[in-house]
């Protein structure tokens, strides 16, 4: 049986995120990578038979706008849970990446699979 995935990479999402006071004062951009395993392969060339990536991106931003997140882990989980609600999505992997300001690293990431 054929399987299909949709991958969205480096989706830029402004969010209120972090435990430090300076992070709470201003939103920061994170990037989100998603892999959506579809419940079935579309039988036709119709957007109605798949997870519409514009709607997925809007849902991710809605999750980011919903509240302040202390942890990227919590944000990644909230995004994955929301994307899994799409009727055509069987499984999802969500990764959130941010540029750290307090450690000497290029990026910090959290990844979850549901």
N, C-alpha and C. Protein backbone atom coordinates (compact mmCIF):
# COMPACT_ATOMS: atom_id res chain seq x y z
N UNK A 1 0.84 -1.18 0.00
CA UNK A 1 0.00 0.00 0.00
C UNK A 1 0.89 1.25 0.00
N UNK A 2 0.55 2.20 -0.82
CA UNK A 2 1.31 3.44 -0.91
C UNK A 2 1.07 4.31 0.32
N UNK A 3 2.10 5.03 0.71
CA UNK A 3 2.01 5.99 1.80
C UNK A 3 2.48 7.34 1.28
N UNK A 4 1.95 8.40 1.87
CA UNK A 4 2.35 9.74 1.44
C UNK A 4 2.56 10.63 2.65
N UNK A 5 3.57 11.48 2.55
CA UNK A 5 3.85 12.47 3.58
C UNK A 5 3.92 13.86 2.94
N UNK A 6 3.55 14.84 3.72
CA UNK A 6 3.73 16.23 3.36
C UNK A 6 4.77 16.79 4.32
N UNK A 7 5.73 17.49 3.77
CA UNK A 7 6.78 18.09 4.61
C UNK A 7 6.75 19.60 4.43
N UNK A 8 6.71 20.29 5.54
CA UNK A 8 6.80 21.76 5.56
C UNK A 8 8.05 22.09 6.38
N UNK A 9 8.99 22.79 5.78
CA UNK A 9 10.24 23.08 6.49
C UNK A 9 10.45 24.58 6.64
N UNK A 10 11.04 24.92 7.75
CA UNK A 10 11.45 26.30 8.06
C UNK A 10 10.29 27.30 7.98
N UNK A 11 9.14 26.89 8.48
CA UNK A 11 8.00 27.79 8.57
C UNK A 11 8.31 28.83 9.65
N UNK A 12 8.37 30.10 9.28
CA UNK A 12 8.68 31.16 10.23
C UNK A 12 7.44 31.53 11.03
N UNK A 13 7.58 31.48 12.37
CA UNK A 13 6.45 31.70 13.25
C UNK A 13 6.87 32.65 14.37
N UNK A 14 6.28 33.84 14.46
CA UNK A 14 6.54 34.69 15.62
C UNK A 14 5.75 34.17 16.83
N UNK A 15 6.41 34.16 17.99
CA UNK A 15 5.80 33.58 19.18
C UNK A 15 6.38 34.22 20.43
N UNK A 16 5.59 34.26 21.48
CA UNK A 16 6.08 34.66 22.80
C UNK A 16 6.61 33.40 23.47
N UNK A 17 7.93 33.34 23.64
CA UNK A 17 8.57 32.09 24.05
C UNK A 17 9.81 32.37 24.89
N UNK A 18 9.93 31.66 25.99
CA UNK A 18 11.15 31.71 26.78
C UNK A 18 10.90 31.97 28.24
N UNK A 19 11.89 31.63 29.06
CA UNK A 19 11.76 31.77 30.51
C UNK A 19 12.41 33.05 31.03
N UNK A 20 13.24 33.68 30.23
CA UNK A 20 13.92 34.90 30.68
C UNK A 20 13.04 36.12 30.50
N UNK A 21 13.24 37.12 31.35
CA UNK A 21 12.43 38.35 31.27
C UNK A 21 12.50 38.99 29.89
N UNK A 22 13.70 39.05 29.29
CA UNK A 22 13.83 39.70 27.99
C UNK A 22 13.07 38.92 26.90
N UNK A 23 12.88 37.63 27.09
CA UNK A 23 12.12 36.84 26.12
C UNK A 23 10.62 37.08 26.28
N UNK A 24 10.20 37.39 27.47
CA UNK A 24 8.78 37.63 27.74
C UNK A 24 8.33 39.00 27.23
N UNK A 25 9.27 39.89 27.01
CA UNK A 25 8.93 41.27 26.61
C UNK A 25 8.66 41.41 25.13
N UNK A 26 9.21 40.54 24.31
CA UNK A 26 9.04 40.68 22.86
C UNK A 26 8.94 39.30 22.21
N UNK A 27 8.08 39.22 21.22
CA UNK A 27 7.96 37.97 20.46
C UNK A 27 9.26 37.71 19.71
N UNK A 28 9.54 36.46 19.48
CA UNK A 28 10.71 36.09 18.69
C UNK A 28 10.28 35.13 17.60
N UNK A 29 11.03 35.13 16.52
CA UNK A 29 10.74 34.20 15.44
C UNK A 29 11.39 32.85 15.72
N UNK A 30 10.61 31.81 15.54
CA UNK A 30 11.13 30.45 15.56
C UNK A 30 10.85 29.86 14.18
N UNK A 31 11.47 28.75 13.88
CA UNK A 31 11.10 28.03 12.67
C UNK A 31 10.54 26.68 13.09
N UNK A 32 9.59 26.23 12.29
CA UNK A 32 8.90 24.97 12.57
C UNK A 32 9.04 24.07 11.35
N UNK A 33 9.43 22.83 11.60
CA UNK A 33 9.46 21.79 10.57
C UNK A 33 8.38 20.78 10.90
N UNK A 34 7.61 20.41 9.88
CA UNK A 34 6.53 19.45 10.05
C UNK A 34 6.63 18.35 9.02
N UNK A 35 6.36 17.12 9.45
CA UNK A 35 6.17 16.01 8.53
C UNK A 35 4.81 15.40 8.89
N UNK A 36 3.91 15.45 7.92
CA UNK A 36 2.55 14.94 8.11
C UNK A 36 2.40 13.66 7.30
N UNK A 37 2.14 12.56 7.98
CA UNK A 37 1.83 11.30 7.29
C UNK A 37 0.32 11.30 7.04
N UNK A 38 -0.05 11.17 5.78
CA UNK A 38 -1.46 11.19 5.42
C UNK A 38 -2.11 9.84 5.66
N UNK A 39 -3.39 9.86 5.94
CA UNK A 39 -4.15 8.63 6.15
C UNK A 39 -4.28 7.82 4.87
N UNK A 40 -4.28 8.53 3.74
CA UNK A 40 -4.36 7.85 2.45
C UNK A 40 -3.73 8.73 1.38
N UNK A 41 -3.37 8.11 0.29
CA UNK A 41 -2.84 8.83 -0.85
C UNK A 41 -4.02 9.44 -1.61
N UNK A 42 -3.96 10.72 -1.94
CA UNK A 42 -5.07 11.32 -2.67
C UNK A 42 -5.37 10.55 -3.96
N UNK A 43 -6.66 10.31 -4.21
CA UNK A 43 -7.07 9.57 -5.40
C UNK A 43 -7.18 10.47 -6.62
N UNK A 44 -7.24 11.78 -6.38
CA UNK A 44 -7.34 12.72 -7.50
C UNK A 44 -6.49 13.95 -7.19
N UNK A 45 -6.43 14.85 -8.13
CA UNK A 45 -5.65 16.06 -8.00
C UNK A 45 -6.50 17.16 -7.36
N UNK A 46 -7.02 16.87 -6.17
CA UNK A 46 -7.93 17.77 -5.48
C UNK A 46 -7.40 18.09 -4.09
N UNK A 47 -7.39 19.38 -3.75
CA UNK A 47 -6.92 19.80 -2.43
C UNK A 47 -7.81 19.25 -1.32
N UNK A 48 -9.03 18.90 -1.65
CA UNK A 48 -9.95 18.35 -0.67
C UNK A 48 -9.57 16.95 -0.19
N UNK A 49 -8.59 16.33 -0.83
CA UNK A 49 -8.19 14.97 -0.47
C UNK A 49 -6.86 14.92 0.28
N UNK A 50 -6.44 16.05 0.80
CA UNK A 50 -5.16 16.08 1.49
C UNK A 50 -5.20 17.15 2.57
N UNK A 51 -4.16 17.24 3.34
CA UNK A 51 -4.04 18.29 4.33
C UNK A 51 -3.53 19.54 3.62
N UNK A 52 -4.32 20.58 3.60
CA UNK A 52 -4.00 21.82 2.89
C UNK A 52 -2.92 22.55 3.68
N UNK A 53 -1.75 22.74 3.09
CA UNK A 53 -0.64 23.30 3.85
C UNK A 53 -0.85 24.75 4.26
N UNK A 54 -1.66 25.51 3.54
CA UNK A 54 -2.00 26.87 4.00
C UNK A 54 -2.77 26.80 5.32
N UNK A 55 -3.71 25.88 5.40
CA UNK A 55 -4.49 25.72 6.63
C UNK A 55 -3.63 25.19 7.76
N UNK A 56 -2.70 24.31 7.45
CA UNK A 56 -1.77 23.81 8.48
C UNK A 56 -0.92 24.96 9.01
N UNK A 57 -0.38 25.77 8.12
CA UNK A 57 0.45 26.92 8.54
C UNK A 57 -0.36 27.89 9.40
N UNK A 58 -1.60 28.14 9.01
CA UNK A 58 -2.46 29.01 9.82
C UNK A 58 -2.71 28.42 11.20
N UNK A 59 -2.92 27.11 11.27
CA UNK A 59 -3.14 26.45 12.56
C UNK A 59 -1.92 26.55 13.45
N UNK A 60 -0.73 26.40 12.87
CA UNK A 60 0.51 26.53 13.64
C UNK A 60 0.61 27.94 14.22
N UNK A 61 0.33 28.96 13.40
CA UNK A 61 0.40 30.33 13.91
C UNK A 61 -0.64 30.57 14.99
N UNK A 62 -1.83 29.97 14.84
CA UNK A 62 -2.87 30.11 15.85
C UNK A 62 -2.40 29.53 17.19
N UNK A 63 -1.74 28.38 17.15
CA UNK A 63 -1.19 27.78 18.37
C UNK A 63 -0.16 28.72 18.99
N UNK A 64 0.71 29.29 18.16
CA UNK A 64 1.74 30.20 18.66
C UNK A 64 1.14 31.45 19.27
N UNK A 65 0.03 31.93 18.72
CA UNK A 65 -0.61 33.13 19.21
C UNK A 65 -1.45 32.91 20.47
N UNK A 66 -1.73 31.66 20.80
CA UNK A 66 -2.68 31.35 21.86
C UNK A 66 -2.21 31.76 23.25
N UNK A 67 -0.88 31.75 23.48
CA UNK A 67 -0.38 32.03 24.83
C UNK A 67 1.13 32.19 24.78
N UNK A 68 1.71 32.52 25.92
CA UNK A 68 3.16 32.52 26.07
C UNK A 68 3.60 31.10 26.41
N UNK A 69 4.65 30.65 25.78
CA UNK A 69 5.23 29.34 26.06
C UNK A 69 6.59 29.54 26.71
N UNK A 70 6.82 28.88 27.83
CA UNK A 70 8.15 28.92 28.45
C UNK A 70 9.14 28.06 27.67
N UNK A 71 8.68 26.90 27.21
CA UNK A 71 9.58 25.90 26.63
C UNK A 71 9.26 25.63 25.16
N UNK A 72 10.31 25.43 24.36
CA UNK A 72 10.08 25.03 22.97
C UNK A 72 9.49 23.63 22.92
N UNK A 73 9.75 22.83 23.94
CA UNK A 73 9.18 21.48 23.99
C UNK A 73 7.66 21.54 24.07
N UNK A 74 7.15 22.44 24.90
CA UNK A 74 5.71 22.60 25.06
C UNK A 74 5.08 23.13 23.78
N UNK A 75 5.75 24.08 23.14
CA UNK A 75 5.26 24.61 21.87
C UNK A 75 5.22 23.52 20.80
N UNK A 76 6.28 22.73 20.70
CA UNK A 76 6.33 21.64 19.71
C UNK A 76 5.18 20.66 19.93
N UNK A 77 4.92 20.30 21.17
CA UNK A 77 3.83 19.38 21.47
C UNK A 77 2.48 19.99 21.11
N UNK A 78 2.26 21.25 21.46
CA UNK A 78 0.98 21.90 21.14
C UNK A 78 0.76 21.97 19.63
N UNK A 79 1.81 22.25 18.89
CA UNK A 79 1.70 22.29 17.43
C UNK A 79 1.36 20.91 16.88
N UNK A 80 2.07 19.89 17.35
CA UNK A 80 1.82 18.53 16.86
C UNK A 80 0.40 18.08 17.17
N UNK A 81 -0.07 18.36 18.38
CA UNK A 81 -1.43 17.96 18.75
C UNK A 81 -2.46 18.66 17.86
N UNK A 82 -2.23 19.92 17.55
CA UNK A 82 -3.18 20.65 16.68
C UNK A 82 -3.17 20.11 15.26
N UNK A 83 -2.00 19.86 14.71
CA UNK A 83 -1.90 19.36 13.34
C UNK A 83 -2.50 17.96 13.23
N UNK A 84 -2.37 17.17 14.27
CA UNK A 84 -2.94 15.82 14.26
C UNK A 84 -4.48 15.86 14.20
N UNK A 85 -5.08 16.99 14.52
CA UNK A 85 -6.54 17.11 14.45
C UNK A 85 -7.05 17.22 13.01
N UNK A 86 -6.18 17.51 12.04
CA UNK A 86 -6.63 17.57 10.66
C UNK A 86 -7.10 16.19 10.23
N UNK A 87 -8.23 16.13 9.56
CA UNK A 87 -8.87 14.84 9.28
C UNK A 87 -8.03 13.91 8.42
N UNK A 88 -7.16 14.44 7.58
CA UNK A 88 -6.36 13.61 6.68
C UNK A 88 -5.01 13.22 7.25
N UNK A 89 -4.68 13.66 8.46
CA UNK A 89 -3.35 13.41 9.04
C UNK A 89 -3.41 12.21 9.99
N UNK A 90 -2.58 11.22 9.71
CA UNK A 90 -2.51 10.02 10.55
C UNK A 90 -1.45 10.15 11.63
N UNK A 91 -0.31 10.75 11.27
CA UNK A 91 0.80 10.94 12.20
C UNK A 91 1.47 12.27 11.87
N UNK A 92 2.13 12.83 12.87
CA UNK A 92 2.83 14.10 12.64
C UNK A 92 4.14 14.12 13.43
N UNK A 93 5.11 14.75 12.85
CA UNK A 93 6.36 15.08 13.54
C UNK A 93 6.51 16.59 13.47
N UNK A 94 6.74 17.21 14.62
CA UNK A 94 6.90 18.66 14.66
C UNK A 94 8.20 18.99 15.37
N UNK A 95 8.97 19.88 14.79
CA UNK A 95 10.20 20.36 15.40
C UNK A 95 10.15 21.88 15.43
N UNK A 96 10.53 22.44 16.57
CA UNK A 96 10.62 23.88 16.73
C UNK A 96 12.07 24.23 16.97
N UNK A 97 12.56 25.24 16.24
CA UNK A 97 13.95 25.67 16.35
C UNK A 97 13.99 27.15 16.70
N UNK A 98 14.88 27.51 17.63
CA UNK A 98 15.05 28.91 17.96
C UNK A 98 16.53 29.23 18.07
N UNK A 99 16.84 30.49 17.84
CA UNK A 99 18.21 30.96 18.00
C UNK A 99 18.39 31.34 19.47
N UNK A 100 19.31 30.69 20.15
CA UNK A 100 19.48 30.97 21.58
C UNK A 100 20.21 32.30 21.80
N UNK A 101 19.88 32.94 22.89
CA UNK A 101 20.58 34.17 23.26
C UNK A 101 21.40 33.99 24.53
N UNK A 102 21.30 32.84 25.16
CA UNK A 102 21.99 32.65 26.44
C UNK A 102 23.05 31.55 26.41
N UNK A 103 23.10 30.77 25.36
CA UNK A 103 24.12 29.72 25.23
C UNK A 103 24.80 29.86 23.88
N UNK A 104 26.03 29.40 23.80
CA UNK A 104 26.82 29.52 22.56
C UNK A 104 26.50 28.36 21.62
N UNK A 105 25.29 28.41 21.10
CA UNK A 105 24.85 27.40 20.14
C UNK A 105 24.19 28.11 18.97
N UNK A 106 24.26 27.49 17.81
CA UNK A 106 23.63 28.07 16.62
C UNK A 106 22.12 28.02 16.72
N UNK A 107 21.62 26.92 17.28
CA UNK A 107 20.17 26.78 17.37
C UNK A 107 19.83 25.76 18.45
N UNK A 108 18.66 25.93 19.04
CA UNK A 108 18.08 24.98 19.99
C UNK A 108 16.81 24.43 19.36
N UNK A 109 16.57 23.15 19.55
CA UNK A 109 15.42 22.52 18.92
C UNK A 109 14.73 21.55 19.86
N UNK A 110 13.44 21.37 19.62
CA UNK A 110 12.66 20.32 20.28
C UNK A 110 11.84 19.64 19.20
N UNK A 111 11.77 18.31 19.24
CA UNK A 111 11.06 17.52 18.23
C UNK A 111 10.15 16.52 18.92
N UNK A 112 8.93 16.38 18.39
CA UNK A 112 7.98 15.42 18.93
C UNK A 112 7.31 14.69 17.78
N UNK A 113 6.98 13.43 18.02
CA UNK A 113 6.26 12.62 17.04
C UNK A 113 4.99 12.06 17.67
N UNK A 114 3.88 12.29 17.02
CA UNK A 114 2.59 11.75 17.50
C UNK A 114 1.96 10.92 16.39
